[in-house]
All heavy atoms as atom14 arrays in JSON, in Angstrom:
{
  "sequence": "PRFVLDLRNGRMPRSGTERRVDGFMAEWRARMGEPR",
  "atom14_mask": [
    [1, 1, 1, 1, 1, 1, 1, 0, 0, 0, 0, 0, 0, 0],
    [1, 1, 1, 1, 1, 1, 1, 1, 1, 1, 1, 0, 0, 0],
    [1, 1, 1, 1, 1, 1, 1, 1, 1, 1, 1, 0, 0, 0],
    [1, 1, 1, 1, 1, 1, 1, 0, 0, 0, 0, 0, 0, 0],
    [1, 1, 1, 1, 1, 1, 1, 1, 0, 0, 0, 0, 0, 0],
    [1, 1, 1, 1, 1, 1, 1, 1, 0, 0, 0, 0, 0, 0],
    [1, 1, 1, 1, 1, 1, 1, 1, 0, 0, 0, 0, 0, 0],
    [1, 1, 1, 1, 1, 1, 1, 1, 1, 1, 1, 0, 0, 0],
    [1, 1, 1, 1, 1, 1, 1, 1, 0, 0, 0, 0, 0, 0],
    [1, 1, 1, 1, 0, 0, 0, 0, 0, 0, 0, 0, 0, 0],
    [1, 1, 1, 1, 1, 1, 1, 1, 1, 1, 1, 0, 0, 0],
    [1, 1, 1, 1, 1, 1, 1, 1, 0, 0, 0, 0, 0, 0],
    [1, 1, 1, 1, 1, 1, 1, 0, 0, 0, 0, 0, 0, 0],
    [1, 1, 1, 1, 1, 1, 1, 1, 1, 1, 1, 0, 0, 0],
    [1, 1, 1, 1, 1, 1, 0, 0, 0, 0, 0, 0, 0, 0],
    [1, 1, 1, 1, 0, 0, 0, 0, 0, 0, 0, 0, 0, 0],
    [1, 1, 1, 1, 1, 1, 1, 0, 0, 0, 0, 0, 0, 0],
    [1, 1, 1, 1, 1, 1, 1, 1, 1, 0, 0, 0, 0, 0],
    [1, 1, 1, 1, 1, 1, 1, 1, 1, 1, 1, 0, 0, 0],
    [1, 1, 1, 1, 1, 1, 1, 1, 1, 1, 1, 0, 0, 0],
    [1, 1, 1, 1, 1, 1, 1, 0, 0, 0, 0, 0, 0, 0],
    [1, 1, 1, 1, 1, 1, 1, 1, 0, 0, 0, 0, 0, 0],
    [1, 1, 1, 1, 0, 0, 0, 0, 0, 0, 0, 0, 0, 0],
    [1, 1, 1, 1, 1, 1, 1, 1, 1, 1, 1, 0, 0, 0],
    [1, 1, 1, 1, 1, 1, 1, 1, 0, 0, 0, 0, 0, 0],
    [1, 1, 1, 1, 1, 0, 0, 0, 0, 0, 0, 0, 0, 0],
    [1, 1, 1, 1, 1, 1, 1, 1, 1, 0, 0, 0, 0, 0],
    [1, 1, 1, 1, 1, 1, 1, 1, 1, 1, 1, 1, 1, 1],
    [1, 1, 1, 1, 1, 1, 1, 1, 1, 1, 1, 0, 0, 0],
    [1, 1, 1, 1, 1, 0, 0, 0, 0, 0, 0, 0, 0, 0],
    [1, 1, 1, 1, 1, 1, 1, 1, 1, 1, 1, 0, 0, 0],
    [1, 1, 1, 1, 1, 1, 1, 1, 0, 0, 0, 0, 0, 0],
    [1, 1, 1, 1, 0, 0, 0, 0, 0, 0, 0, 0, 0, 0],
    [1, 1, 1, 1, 1, 1, 1, 1, 1, 0, 0, 0, 0, 0],
    [1, 1, 1, 1, 1, 1, 1, 0, 0, 0, 0, 0, 0, 0],
    [1, 1, 1, 1, 1, 1, 1, 1, 1, 1, 1, 0, 0, 0]
  ],
  "atom14_positions": [
    [[-4.72, 9.64, 4.64], [-5.64, 9.59, 3.5], [-5.0, 10.18, 2.23], [-5.52, 9.87, 1.13], [-6.85, 10.35, 3.95], [-6.43, 11.18, 5.13], [-5.23, 10.48, 5.73], [0.0, 0.0, 0.0], [0.0, 0.0, 0.0], [0.0, 0.0, 0.0], [0.0, 0.0, 0.0], [0.0, 0.0, 0.0], [0.0, 0.0, 0.0], [0.0, 0.0, 0.0]],
    [[-3.97, 10.96, 2.31], [-3.39, 11.63, 1.12], [-2.22, 10.82, 0.57], [-1.57, 11.17, -0.41], [-2.9, 12.99, 1.44], [-4.03, 13.99, 1.7], [-3.52, 15.41, 1.88], [-2.58, 15.82, 0.84], [-2.91, 16.27, -0.4], [-4.17, 16.54, -0.66], [-1.97, 16.62, -1.29], [0.0, 0.0, 0.0], [0.0, 0.0, 0.0], [0.0, 0.0, 0.0]],
    [[-1.91, 9.64, 1.16], [-0.72, 8.89, 0.79], [-0.68, 8.56, -0.71], [0.29, 8.78, -1.35], [-0.73, 7.58, 1.61], [0.49, 6.7, 1.35], [1.75, 7.11, 1.77], [0.32, 5.52, 0.67], [2.88, 6.25, 1.49], [1.45, 4.72, 0.37], [2.71, 5.16, 0.8], [0.0, 0.0, 0.0], [0.0, 0.0, 0.0], [0.0, 0.0, 0.0]],
    [[-1.78, 8.0, -1.24], [-1.76, 7.59, -2.63], [-1.66, 8.84, -3.51], [-0.9, 8.85, -4.51], [-3.01, 6.75, -3.0], [-3.04, 6.47, -4.49], [-3.04, 5.47, -2.22], [0.0, 0.0, 0.0], [0.0, 0.0, 0.0], [0.0, 0.0, 0.0], [0.0, 0.0, 0.0], [0.0, 0.0, 0.0], [0.0, 0.0, 0.0], [0.0, 0.0, 0.0]],
    [[-2.42, 9.92, -3.23], [-2.3, 11.13, -4.01], [-0.9, 11.71, -4.02], [-0.39, 12.07, -5.05], [-3.26, 12.19, -3.41], [-3.23, 13.58, -4.14], [-3.64, 13.36, -5.64], [-4.12, 14.52, -3.44], [0.0, 0.0, 0.0], [0.0, 0.0, 0.0], [0.0, 0.0, 0.0], [0.0, 0.0, 0.0], [0.0, 0.0, 0.0], [0.0, 0.0, 0.0]],
    [[-0.28, 11.63, -2.84], [1.12, 12.07, -2.76], [2.02, 11.23, -3.6], [2.98, 11.77, -4.29], [1.58, 12.14, -1.33], [0.96, 13.21, -0.46], [0.32, 14.15, -1.08], [1.04, 13.2, 0.78], [0.0, 0.0, 0.0], [0.0, 0.0, 0.0], [0.0, 0.0, 0.0], [0.0, 0.0, 0.0], [0.0, 0.0, 0.0], [0.0, 0.0, 0.0]],
    [[1.84, 9.9, -3.61], [2.65, 9.05, -4.47], [2.43, 9.41, -5.95], [3.39, 9.44, -6.71], [2.32, 7.59, -4.18], [2.75, 6.95, -2.9], [2.28, 5.5, -2.85], [4.25, 7.11, -2.69], [0.0, 0.0, 0.0], [0.0, 0.0, 0.0], [0.0, 0.0, 0.0], [0.0, 0.0, 0.0], [0.0, 0.0, 0.0], [0.0, 0.0, 0.0]],
    [[1.19, 9.62, -6.29], [0.86, 9.99, -7.69], [1.54, 11.27, -8.09], [1.84, 11.45, -9.24], [-0.63, 10.1, -7.88], [-1.39, 8.81, -7.81], [-2.89, 9.05, -7.8], [-3.62, 7.81, -7.81], [-4.93, 7.74, -7.46], [-5.64, 8.82, -7.18], [-5.52, 6.52, -7.5], [0.0, 0.0, 0.0], [0.0, 0.0, 0.0], [0.0, 0.0, 0.0]],
    [[1.78, 12.13, -7.11], [2.45, 13.43, -7.4], [4.01, 13.36, -7.15], [4.65, 14.41, -7.13], [1.89, 14.48, -6.5], [0.48, 14.85, -6.95], [0.2, 14.93, -8.18], [-0.39, 15.18, -6.05], [0.0, 0.0, 0.0], [0.0, 0.0, 0.0], [0.0, 0.0, 0.0], [0.0, 0.0, 0.0], [0.0, 0.0, 0.0], [0.0, 0.0, 0.0]],
    [[4.52, 12.13, -7.04], [5.98, 12.01, -7.0], [6.59, 11.71, -5.64], [7.83, 11.6, -5.54], [0.0, 0.0, 0.0], [0.0, 0.0, 0.0], [0.0, 0.0, 0.0], [0.0, 0.0, 0.0], [0.0, 0.0, 0.0], [0.0, 0.0, 0.0], [0.0, 0.0, 0.0], [0.0, 0.0, 0.0], [0.0, 0.0, 0.0], [0.0, 0.0, 0.0]],
    [[5.83, 11.59, -4.59], [6.37, 11.32, -3.28], [7.07, 9.94, -3.37], [6.62, 9.0, -3.9], [5.25, 11.28, -2.24], [5.74, 10.87, -0.82], [4.53, 10.87, 0.08], [4.84, 10.35, 1.4], [3.92, 10.21, 2.4], [2.71, 10.6, 2.19], [4.27, 9.69, 3.52], [0.0, 0.0, 0.0], [0.0, 0.0, 0.0], [0.0, 0.0, 0.0]],
    [[8.28, 9.92, -2.69], [9.0, 8.63, -2.62], [8.96, 8.11, -1.17], [9.51, 8.8, -0.27], [10.44, 8.85, -3.04], [10.67, 9.32, -4.48], [10.02, 8.12, -5.67], [11.17, 6.83, -5.41], [0.0, 0.0, 0.0], [0.0, 0.0, 0.0], [0.0, 0.0, 0.0], [0.0, 0.0, 0.0], [0.0, 0.0, 0.0], [0.0, 0.0, 0.0]],
    [[8.3, 6.99, -0.94], [8.16, 6.53, 0.41], [9.46, 5.91, 0.93], [10.3, 5.5, 0.11], [7.1, 5.43, 0.27], [7.28, 4.92, -1.06], [7.62, 6.15, -1.9], [0.0, 0.0, 0.0], [0.0, 0.0, 0.0], [0.0, 0.0, 0.0], [0.0, 0.0, 0.0], [0.0, 0.0, 0.0], [0.0, 0.0, 0.0], [0.0, 0.0, 0.0]],
    [[9.68, 5.93, 2.24], [10.81, 5.24, 2.81], [10.63, 3.72, 2.66], [9.54, 3.23, 2.47], [10.85, 5.59, 4.32], [11.11, 7.03, 4.58], [11.17, 7.31, 6.02], [11.44, 8.74, 6.28], [11.27, 9.36, 7.41], [10.78, 8.62, 8.47], [11.56, 10.61, 7.58], [0.0, 0.0, 0.0], [0.0, 0.0, 0.0], [0.0, 0.0, 0.0]],
    [[11.72, 3.0, 2.76], [11.69, 1.58, 2.58], [10.76, 0.88, 3.58], [10.11, -0.06, 3.25], [13.08, 0.99, 2.57], [13.77, 1.24, 3.8], [0.0, 0.0, 0.0], [0.0, 0.0, 0.0], [0.0, 0.0, 0.0], [0.0, 0.0, 0.0], [0.0, 0.0, 0.0], [0.0, 0.0, 0.0], [0.0, 0.0, 0.0], [0.0, 0.0, 0.0]],
    [[10.82, 1.37, 4.79], [9.99, 0.76, 5.82], [8.47, 0.98, 5.53], [7.68, 0.08, 5.75], [0.0, 0.0, 0.0], [0.0, 0.0, 0.0], [0.0, 0.0, 0.0], [0.0, 0.0, 0.0], [0.0, 0.0, 0.0], [0.0, 0.0, 0.0], [0.0, 0.0, 0.0], [0.0, 0.0, 0.0], [0.0, 0.0, 0.0], [0.0, 0.0, 0.0]],
    [[8.13, 2.13, 4.97], [6.77, 2.42, 4.62], [6.33, 1.52, 3.46], [5.21, 0.96, 3.43], [6.57, 3.93, 4.23], [6.97, 4.69, 5.34], [5.15, 4.21, 3.84], [0.0, 0.0, 0.0], [0.0, 0.0, 0.0], [0.0, 0.0, 0.0], [0.0, 0.0, 0.0], [0.0, 0.0, 0.0], [0.0, 0.0, 0.0], [0.0, 0.0, 0.0]],
    [[7.24, 1.36, 2.48], [6.94, 0.48, 1.37], [6.71, -0.99, 1.81], [5.75, -1.62, 1.39], [8.05, 0.55, 0.38], [7.75, -0.15, -0.94], [8.71, 0.17, -2.05], [9.49, 1.11, -1.95], [8.6, -0.49, -3.1], [0.0, 0.0, 0.0], [0.0, 0.0, 0.0], [0.0, 0.0, 0.0], [0.0, 0.0, 0.0], [0.0, 0.0, 0.0]],
    [[7.5, -1.44, 2.74], [7.3, -2.75, 3.24], [5.97, -2.91, 4.0], [5.29, -3.91, 3.84], [8.45, -3.19, 4.14], [9.74, -3.55, 3.44], [10.77, -4.16, 4.35], [11.15, -3.33, 5.48], [12.1, -2.42, 5.45], [12.81, -2.2, 4.34], [12.37, -1.73, 6.54], [0.0, 0.0, 0.0], [0.0, 0.0, 0.0], [0.0, 0.0, 0.0]],
    [[5.66, -1.88, 4.78], [4.41, -1.92, 5.52], [3.2, -1.93, 4.58], [2.25, -2.66, 4.78], [4.32, -0.72, 6.49], [3.19, -0.78, 7.44], [3.29, 0.28, 8.52], [3.13, 1.59, 8.05], [4.09, 2.55, 8.08], [5.27, 2.27, 8.6], [3.84, 3.73, 7.57], [0.0, 0.0, 0.0], [0.0, 0.0, 0.0], [0.0, 0.0, 0.0]],
    [[3.26, -1.15, 3.51], [2.19, -1.08, 2.54], [2.0, -2.36, 1.82], [0.94, -2.92, 1.63], [2.39, 0.1, 1.58], [1.38, 0.06, 0.42], [2.21, 1.44, 2.34], [0.0, 0.0, 0.0], [0.0, 0.0, 0.0], [0.0, 0.0, 0.0], [0.0, 0.0, 0.0], [0.0, 0.0, 0.0], [0.0, 0.0, 0.0], [0.0, 0.0, 0.0]],
    [[3.15, -2.94, 1.4], [3.13, -4.25, 0.7], [2.55, -5.33, 1.67], [1.76, -6.21, 1.24], [4.51, -4.69, 0.25], [4.93, -4.01, -1.04], [4.04, -3.71, -1.9], [6.14, -3.79, -1.26], [0.0, 0.0, 0.0], [0.0, 0.0, 0.0], [0.0, 0.0, 0.0], [0.0, 0.0, 0.0], [0.0, 0.0, 0.0], [0.0, 0.0, 0.0]],
    [[2.89, -5.22, 2.9], [2.33, -6.23, 3.92], [0.83, -6.02, 4.09], [0.1, -6.96, 4.2], [0.0, 0.0, 0.0], [0.0, 0.0, 0.0], [0.0, 0.0, 0.0], [0.0, 0.0, 0.0], [0.0, 0.0, 0.0], [0.0, 0.0, 0.0], [0.0, 0.0, 0.0], [0.0, 0.0, 0.0], [0.0, 0.0, 0.0], [0.0, 0.0, 0.0]],
    [[0.41, -4.74, 4.1], [-1.02, -4.47, 4.24], [-1.77, -5.12, 3.05], [-2.83, -5.74, 3.23], [-1.28, -2.92, 4.24], [-2.72, -2.58, 4.04], [-3.61, -2.73, 5.08], [-3.21, -2.2, 2.79], [-4.99, -2.4, 4.87], [-4.52, -1.93, 2.6], [-5.41, -2.03, 3.66], [0.0, 0.0, 0.0], [0.0, 0.0, 0.0], [0.0, 0.0, 0.0]],
    [[-1.26, -4.9, 1.82], [-1.94, -5.42, 0.61], [-1.98, -7.0, 0.66], [-2.96, -7.57, 0.3], [-1.27, -4.91, -0.64], [-1.49, -3.46, -0.89], [-0.93, -2.8, -2.49], [0.85, -2.91, -2.29], [0.0, 0.0, 0.0], [0.0, 0.0, 0.0], [0.0, 0.0, 0.0], [0.0, 0.0, 0.0], [0.0, 0.0, 0.0], [0.0, 0.0, 0.0]],
    [[-0.84, -7.6, 1.07], [-0.79, -9.02, 1.13], [-1.84, -9.56, 2.19], [-2.52, -10.56, 1.96], [0.6, -9.52, 1.49], [0.0, 0.0, 0.0], [0.0, 0.0, 0.0], [0.0, 0.0, 0.0], [0.0, 0.0, 0.0], [0.0, 0.0, 0.0], [0.0, 0.0, 0.0], [0.0, 0.0, 0.0], [0.0, 0.0, 0.0], [0.0, 0.0, 0.0]],
    [[-1.89, -8.91, 3.37], [-2.83, -9.34, 4.4], [-4.24, -9.12, 3.93], [-5.14, -9.98, 4.17], [-2.56, -8.53, 5.68], [-3.43, -8.94, 6.74], [-3.18, -8.1, 8.05], [-2.0, -7.74, 8.29], [-4.12, -7.87, 8.79], [0.0, 0.0, 0.0], [0.0, 0.0, 0.0], [0.0, 0.0, 0.0], [0.0, 0.0, 0.0], [0.0, 0.0, 0.0]],
    [[-4.51, -8.02, 3.26], [-5.92, -7.76, 2.73], [-6.32, -8.83, 1.78], [-7.41, -9.37, 1.86], [-5.96, -6.37, 2.1], [-7.34, -5.96, 1.69], [-7.98, -6.26, 0.54], [-8.25, -5.19, 2.48], [-9.23, -5.68, 0.57], [-9.39, -5.04, 1.75], [-8.17, -4.63, 3.7], [-10.53, -4.3, 2.18], [-9.26, -3.87, 4.17], [-10.43, -3.74, 3.4]],
    [[-5.44, -9.19, 0.89], [-5.74, -10.24, -0.11], [-5.97, -11.59, 0.56], [-6.92, -12.34, 0.17], [-4.62, -10.39, -1.12], [-4.59, -9.29, -2.17], [-3.53, -9.62, -3.24], [-3.66, -8.64, -4.34], [-2.83, -7.6, -4.55], [-1.78, -7.42, -3.72], [-3.05, -6.77, -5.51], [0.0, 0.0, 0.0], [0.0, 0.0, 0.0], [0.0, 0.0, 0.0]],
    [[-5.16, -11.88, 1.58], [-5.36, -13.14, 2.31], [-6.71, -13.2, 3.04], [-7.31, -14.24, 3.06], [-4.15, -13.33, 3.27], [0.0, 0.0, 0.0], [0.0, 0.0, 0.0], [0.0, 0.0, 0.0], [0.0, 0.0, 0.0], [0.0, 0.0, 0.0], [0.0, 0.0, 0.0], [0.0, 0.0, 0.0], [0.0, 0.0, 0.0], [0.0, 0.0, 0.0]],
    [[-7.13, -12.06, 3.6], [-8.38, -12.04, 4.39], [-9.54, -11.97, 3.47], [-10.63, -12.54, 3.77], [-8.37, -10.85, 5.31], [-7.54, -11.06, 6.52], [-7.75, -9.92, 7.53], [-7.3, -8.69, 6.91], [-7.8, -7.48, 7.25], [-8.67, -7.37, 8.2], [-7.3, -6.38, 6.68], [0.0, 0.0, 0.0], [0.0, 0.0, 0.0], [0.0, 0.0, 0.0]],
    [[-9.48, -11.21, 2.37], [-10.66, -10.9, 1.54], [-10.84, -11.93, 0.39], [-11.88, -11.93, -0.16], [-10.56, -9.48, 0.99], [-10.45, -8.39, 2.03], [-11.76, -8.51, 3.26], [-13.02, -7.59, 2.42], [0.0, 0.0, 0.0], [0.0, 0.0, 0.0], [0.0, 0.0, 0.0], [0.0, 0.0, 0.0], [0.0, 0.0, 0.0], [0.0, 0.0, 0.0]],
    [[-9.87, -12.71, 0.1], [-10.0, -13.66, -1.01], [-9.93, -13.01, -2.34], [-9.16, -12.07, -2.57], [0.0, 0.0, 0.0], [0.0, 0.0, 0.0], [0.0, 0.0, 0.0], [0.0, 0.0, 0.0], [0.0, 0.0, 0.0], [0.0, 0.0, 0.0], [0.0, 0.0, 0.0], [0.0, 0.0, 0.0], [0.0, 0.0, 0.0], [0.0, 0.0, 0.0]],
    [[-10.77, -13.48, -3.25], [-10.75, -12.99, -4.67], [-11.15, -11.55, -4.7], [-12.09, -11.12, -4.05], [-11.76, -13.85, -5.45], [-11.27, -15.26, -5.76], [-10.03, -15.25, -6.56], [-9.94, -14.55, -7.61], [-9.07, -16.04, -6.21], [0.0, 0.0, 0.0], [0.0, 0.0, 0.0], [0.0, 0.0, 0.0], [0.0, 0.0, 0.0], [0.0, 0.0, 0.0]],
    [[-10.43, -10.76, -5.54], [-10.87, -9.36, -5.71], [-12.13, -9.22, -6.43], [-12.56, -10.13, -7.18], [-9.68, -8.78, -6.52], [-9.03, -9.94, -7.18], [-9.28, -11.13, -6.33], [0.0, 0.0, 0.0], [0.0, 0.0, 0.0], [0.0, 0.0, 0.0], [0.0, 0.0, 0.0], [0.0, 0.0, 0.0], [0.0, 0.0, 0.0], [0.0, 0.0, 0.0]],
    [[-12.77, -8.08, -6.29], [-14.09, -7.77, -6.93], [-13.86, -7.63, -8.42], [-14.62, -8.07, -9.21], [-14.63, -6.53, -6.38], [-15.12, -6.6, -4.98], [-15.77, -5.29, -4.57], [-15.75, -5.2, -3.15], [-16.03, -4.11, -2.46], [-16.3, -3.01, -3.12], [-16.05, -4.13, -1.19], [0.0, 0.0, 0.0], [0.0, 0.0, 0.0], [0.0, 0.0, 0.0]]
  ]
}
């Protein structure tokens, strides 16, 4: 739950984590359709 806060404070994610997060966002968009 602190992931975004840590990024805002300068945390640099590993490349695998970045790919996983990008995949999560792509999957969410595909399932949820148009954003609010």
